[in-house]
Amino acid sequence: MNINQLIPDSFSGNIMISKSNSIIYEGAFGYADIPNKVPNRINTRFATASAGKVFVSVAILKLIEAGRLSFDSTIGEYFNFDLKAIDKAITVKELLTHTS
């Protein structure tokens, strides 16, 4: 079976199929930047925007669940460097709820 026959012409993105740490197939399709017609390449880095926030939030909640962090912990307790104009008293809860 030819994998390329399964990929619609309208698909824009990258595909990699691997098995046992060996790449079986990889391909780049469409545009990384549609308005400027910049094509996707195998090494194109895609912006994830806010998608990572959910993963960071879940990781923080897991640390809270494990007792290694609390909602009332402050960033000043964990960051031992000059935070410039950032208040060291901001709590984890305020960061997670965007209320700092």
N, C-alpha and C. Protein backbone atom coordinates (compact mmCIF):
# COMPACT_ATOMS: atom_id res chain seq x y z
N MET A 1 0.84 -1.17 0.00
CA MET A 1 0.00 0.00 0.00
C MET A 1 0.89 1.24 0.00
N ASN A 2 0.54 2.21 -0.81
CA ASN A 2 1.27 3.46 -0.87
C ASN A 2 0.61 4.44 0.11
N ILE A 3 1.34 4.81 1.15
CA ILE A 3 0.81 5.71 2.18
C ILE A 3 0.35 7.03 1.58
N ASN A 4 1.08 7.54 0.60
CA ASN A 4 0.72 8.82 -0.01
C ASN A 4 -0.67 8.81 -0.61
N GLN A 5 -1.17 7.66 -1.02
CA GLN A 5 -2.52 7.57 -1.57
C GLN A 5 -3.59 7.77 -0.50
N LEU A 6 -3.23 7.57 0.76
CA LEU A 6 -4.18 7.71 1.87
C LEU A 6 -4.28 9.15 2.38
N ILE A 7 -3.35 10.00 1.97
CA ILE A 7 -3.31 11.38 2.47
C ILE A 7 -4.02 12.29 1.48
N PRO A 8 -5.09 12.95 1.93
CA PRO A 8 -5.84 13.82 1.01
C PRO A 8 -5.00 15.02 0.57
N ASP A 9 -5.28 15.50 -0.62
CA ASP A 9 -4.56 16.66 -1.16
C ASP A 9 -4.72 17.89 -0.27
N SER A 10 -5.81 17.95 0.47
CA SER A 10 -6.08 19.11 1.32
C SER A 10 -5.34 19.07 2.65
N PHE A 11 -4.66 17.96 2.97
CA PHE A 11 -3.97 17.83 4.26
C PHE A 11 -2.77 18.77 4.32
N SER A 12 -2.65 19.47 5.45
CA SER A 12 -1.52 20.35 5.68
C SER A 12 -0.93 19.98 7.03
N GLY A 13 0.28 19.48 7.04
CA GLY A 13 0.93 19.07 8.28
C GLY A 13 2.05 18.10 7.99
N ASN A 14 2.57 17.51 9.04
CA ASN A 14 3.65 16.54 8.92
C ASN A 14 3.20 15.21 9.49
N ILE A 15 3.71 14.15 8.92
CA ILE A 15 3.39 12.80 9.37
C ILE A 15 4.69 12.05 9.56
N MET A 16 4.78 11.33 10.70
CA MET A 16 5.90 10.42 10.90
C MET A 16 5.36 9.14 11.49
N ILE A 17 5.74 8.03 10.91
CA ILE A 17 5.36 6.72 11.41
C ILE A 17 6.66 6.01 11.78
N SER A 18 6.72 5.52 13.01
CA SER A 18 7.92 4.81 13.44
C SER A 18 7.54 3.51 14.13
N LYS A 19 8.49 2.60 14.12
CA LYS A 19 8.31 1.33 14.79
C LYS A 19 9.66 0.92 15.35
N SER A 20 9.70 0.63 16.62
CA SER A 20 10.95 0.21 17.27
C SER A 20 12.08 1.19 17.00
N ASN A 21 11.78 2.47 17.17
CA ASN A 21 12.77 3.54 16.99
C ASN A 21 13.31 3.68 15.57
N SER A 22 12.64 3.08 14.61
CA SER A 22 13.02 3.24 13.20
C SER A 22 11.89 3.97 12.48
N ILE A 23 12.26 4.97 11.71
CA ILE A 23 11.27 5.72 10.96
C ILE A 23 10.88 4.91 9.73
N ILE A 24 9.59 4.62 9.63
CA ILE A 24 9.06 3.86 8.50
C ILE A 24 8.64 4.82 7.39
N TYR A 25 8.07 5.95 7.81
CA TYR A 25 7.57 6.92 6.84
C TYR A 25 7.59 8.30 7.47
N GLU A 26 7.95 9.30 6.68
CA GLU A 26 7.76 10.68 7.09
C GLU A 26 7.51 11.53 5.87
N GLY A 27 6.64 12.50 6.05
CA GLY A 27 6.30 13.38 4.93
C GLY A 27 5.80 14.72 5.43
N ALA A 28 6.01 15.73 4.64
CA ALA A 28 5.55 17.09 4.94
C ALA A 28 4.62 17.53 3.82
N PHE A 29 3.50 18.11 4.21
CA PHE A 29 2.47 18.45 3.22
C PHE A 29 1.92 19.84 3.48
N GLY A 30 1.49 20.50 2.45
CA GLY A 30 0.83 21.79 2.57
C GLY A 30 1.80 22.88 3.01
N TYR A 31 1.22 23.88 3.68
CA TYR A 31 1.99 25.06 4.05
C TYR A 31 2.11 25.23 5.57
N ALA A 32 3.28 25.65 6.00
CA ALA A 32 3.49 26.04 7.39
C ALA A 32 2.90 27.42 7.62
N ASP A 33 2.92 28.23 6.59
CA ASP A 33 2.38 29.60 6.62
C ASP A 33 1.57 29.78 5.33
N ILE A 34 0.28 29.61 5.45
CA ILE A 34 -0.60 29.63 4.27
C ILE A 34 -0.58 30.96 3.54
N PRO A 35 -0.75 32.11 4.24
CA PRO A 35 -0.79 33.38 3.50
C PRO A 35 0.49 33.66 2.70
N ASN A 36 1.63 33.23 3.24
CA ASN A 36 2.90 33.49 2.56
C ASN A 36 3.40 32.30 1.75
N LYS A 37 2.58 31.25 1.69
CA LYS A 37 2.88 30.04 0.92
C LYS A 37 4.27 29.47 1.23
N VAL A 38 4.56 29.40 2.54
CA VAL A 38 5.80 28.77 2.99
C VAL A 38 5.50 27.29 3.20
N PRO A 39 6.13 26.42 2.44
CA PRO A 39 5.79 25.00 2.53
C PRO A 39 6.26 24.36 3.84
N ASN A 40 5.52 23.34 4.26
CA ASN A 40 5.97 22.53 5.39
C ASN A 40 7.19 21.74 4.96
N ARG A 41 8.08 21.53 5.91
CA ARG A 41 9.25 20.69 5.72
C ARG A 41 9.25 19.67 6.85
N ILE A 42 10.03 18.64 6.72
CA ILE A 42 10.12 17.63 7.77
C ILE A 42 10.52 18.26 9.10
N ASN A 43 11.37 19.27 9.07
CA ASN A 43 11.84 19.89 10.30
C ASN A 43 11.07 21.16 10.68
N THR A 44 9.89 21.39 10.10
CA THR A 44 9.08 22.56 10.44
C THR A 44 8.69 22.49 11.91
N ARG A 45 8.86 23.60 12.61
CA ARG A 45 8.44 23.69 14.01
C ARG A 45 7.13 24.48 14.04
N PHE A 46 6.12 23.85 14.58
CA PHE A 46 4.80 24.46 14.63
C PHE A 46 4.59 25.15 15.97
N ALA A 47 4.02 26.33 15.94
CA ALA A 47 3.69 27.04 17.17
C ALA A 47 2.53 26.32 17.84
N THR A 48 2.60 26.16 19.14
CA THR A 48 1.54 25.47 19.86
C THR A 48 0.62 26.43 20.60
N ALA A 49 0.94 27.72 20.56
CA ALA A 49 0.13 28.75 21.22
C ALA A 49 -0.16 28.34 22.66
N SER A 50 -1.41 28.27 23.04
CA SER A 50 -1.77 27.99 24.44
C SER A 50 -2.00 26.51 24.71
N ALA A 51 -1.75 25.65 23.76
CA ALA A 51 -2.03 24.22 23.94
C ALA A 51 -1.26 23.62 25.11
N GLY A 52 -0.07 24.12 25.39
CA GLY A 52 0.74 23.59 26.47
C GLY A 52 0.22 23.91 27.86
N LYS A 53 -0.63 24.91 27.97
CA LYS A 53 -1.13 25.31 29.29
C LYS A 53 -1.84 24.18 30.01
N VAL A 54 -2.61 23.39 29.28
CA VAL A 54 -3.34 22.28 29.88
C VAL A 54 -2.37 21.27 30.47
N PHE A 55 -1.30 20.95 29.73
CA PHE A 55 -0.34 19.96 30.21
C PHE A 55 0.40 20.46 31.43
N VAL A 56 0.78 21.74 31.44
CA VAL A 56 1.45 22.32 32.60
C VAL A 56 0.51 22.32 33.80
N SER A 57 -0.74 22.67 33.58
CA SER A 57 -1.72 22.68 34.67
C SER A 57 -1.90 21.29 35.27
N VAL A 58 -2.00 20.28 34.42
CA VAL A 58 -2.16 18.91 34.91
C VAL A 58 -0.93 18.48 35.70
N ALA A 59 0.26 18.84 35.22
CA ALA A 59 1.49 18.49 35.93
C ALA A 59 1.52 19.17 37.31
N ILE A 60 1.12 20.42 37.37
CA ILE A 60 1.07 21.13 38.65
C ILE A 60 0.06 20.47 39.58
N LEU A 61 -1.11 20.12 39.07
CA LEU A 61 -2.12 19.46 39.90
C LEU A 61 -1.64 18.10 40.40
N LYS A 62 -0.87 17.40 39.59
CA LYS A 62 -0.30 16.12 40.03
C LYS A 62 0.71 16.34 41.16
N LEU A 63 1.50 17.41 41.07
CA LEU A 63 2.44 17.74 42.15
C LEU A 63 1.69 18.10 43.44
N ILE A 64 0.57 18.79 43.30
CA ILE A 64 -0.25 19.12 44.47
C ILE A 64 -0.82 17.85 45.07
N GLU A 65 -1.33 16.96 44.21
CA GLU A 65 -1.89 15.70 44.65
C GLU A 65 -0.85 14.86 45.40
N ALA A 66 0.39 14.92 44.95
CA ALA A 66 1.48 14.16 45.57
C ALA A 66 2.03 14.84 46.82
N GLY A 67 1.53 16.04 47.13
CA GLY A 67 1.97 16.74 48.32
C GLY A 67 3.29 17.48 48.16
N ARG A 68 3.76 17.63 46.94
CA ARG A 68 5.03 18.31 46.70
C ARG A 68 4.86 19.80 46.45
N LEU A 69 3.62 20.24 46.33
CA LEU A 69 3.29 21.62 46.03
C LEU A 69 1.91 21.86 46.61
N SER A 70 1.55 23.10 46.85
CA SER A 70 0.18 23.40 47.29
C SER A 70 -0.32 24.62 46.53
N PHE A 71 -1.62 24.79 46.56
CA PHE A 71 -2.21 25.95 45.90
C PHE A 71 -1.71 27.25 46.52
N ASP A 72 -1.36 27.17 47.81
CA ASP A 72 -0.90 28.37 48.52
C ASP A 72 0.60 28.59 48.42
N SER A 73 1.32 27.70 47.76
CA SER A 73 2.77 27.90 47.55
C SER A 73 2.97 29.15 46.73
N THR A 74 4.05 29.86 47.02
CA THR A 74 4.34 31.08 46.26
C THR A 74 5.50 30.84 45.30
N ILE A 75 5.54 31.64 44.26
CA ILE A 75 6.63 31.47 43.29
C ILE A 75 7.97 31.83 43.91
N GLY A 76 7.95 32.70 44.92
CA GLY A 76 9.18 33.05 45.61
C GLY A 76 9.81 31.88 46.35
N GLU A 77 8.98 30.89 46.73
CA GLU A 77 9.48 29.69 47.41
C GLU A 77 10.26 28.79 46.46
N TYR A 78 9.97 28.87 45.18
CA TYR A 78 10.53 27.92 44.21
C TYR A 78 11.52 28.53 43.24
N PHE A 79 11.47 29.84 43.06
CA PHE A 79 12.40 30.49 42.13
C PHE A 79 13.37 31.34 42.92
N ASN A 80 14.60 30.87 42.99
CA ASN A 80 15.62 31.54 43.77
C ASN A 80 16.49 32.44 42.88
N PHE A 81 15.84 33.35 42.19
CA PHE A 81 16.54 34.34 41.37
C PHE A 81 15.69 35.60 41.31
N ASP A 82 16.29 36.67 40.85
CA ASP A 82 15.59 37.94 40.81
C ASP A 82 14.45 37.90 39.80
N LEU A 83 13.25 38.02 40.28
CA LEU A 83 12.07 37.99 39.42
C LEU A 83 11.72 39.38 38.88
N LYS A 84 12.61 40.32 39.08
CA LYS A 84 12.43 41.71 38.62
C LYS A 84 11.14 42.28 39.20
N ALA A 85 10.21 42.66 38.37
CA ALA A 85 8.98 43.32 38.84
C ALA A 85 7.87 42.32 39.19
N ILE A 86 8.18 41.04 39.19
CA ILE A 86 7.16 40.03 39.51
C ILE A 86 7.13 39.81 41.02
N ASP A 87 5.96 39.88 41.60
CA ASP A 87 5.79 39.72 43.03
C ASP A 87 6.04 38.26 43.43
N LYS A 88 6.98 38.05 44.34
CA LYS A 88 7.32 36.70 44.79
C LYS A 88 6.20 36.06 45.62
N ALA A 89 5.20 36.84 46.01
CA ALA A 89 4.10 36.33 46.82
C ALA A 89 2.96 35.75 45.98
N ILE A 90 3.08 35.79 44.67
CA ILE A 90 2.03 35.21 43.81
C ILE A 90 1.95 33.72 44.08
N THR A 91 0.73 33.22 44.24
CA THR A 91 0.55 31.80 44.58
C THR A 91 0.33 30.94 43.33
N VAL A 92 0.50 29.65 43.52
CA VAL A 92 0.24 28.69 42.45
C VAL A 92 -1.22 28.79 42.02
N LYS A 93 -2.12 28.94 43.00
CA LYS A 93 -3.55 29.07 42.66
C LYS A 93 -3.80 30.28 41.77
N GLU A 94 -3.16 31.40 42.10
CA GLU A 94 -3.34 32.61 41.29
C GLU A 94 -2.81 32.41 39.88
N LEU A 95 -1.71 31.70 39.75
CA LEU A 95 -1.17 31.43 38.42
C LEU A 95 -2.11 30.53 37.61
N LEU A 96 -2.61 29.49 38.26
CA LEU A 96 -3.50 28.56 37.55
C LEU A 96 -4.83 29.19 37.16
N THR A 97 -5.30 30.13 37.96
CA THR A 97 -6.59 30.77 37.66
C THR A 97 -6.45 32.12 36.99
N HIS A 98 -5.20 32.47 36.65
CA HIS A 98 -4.91 33.74 35.96
C HIS A 98 -5.44 34.93 36.75
N THR A 99 -5.26 34.89 38.07
CA THR A 99 -5.73 35.99 38.91
C THR A 99 -4.60 36.67 39.65
N SER A 100 -3.38 36.44 39.23
CA SER A 100 -2.24 37.05 39.93
C SER A 100 -2.08 38.48 39.50
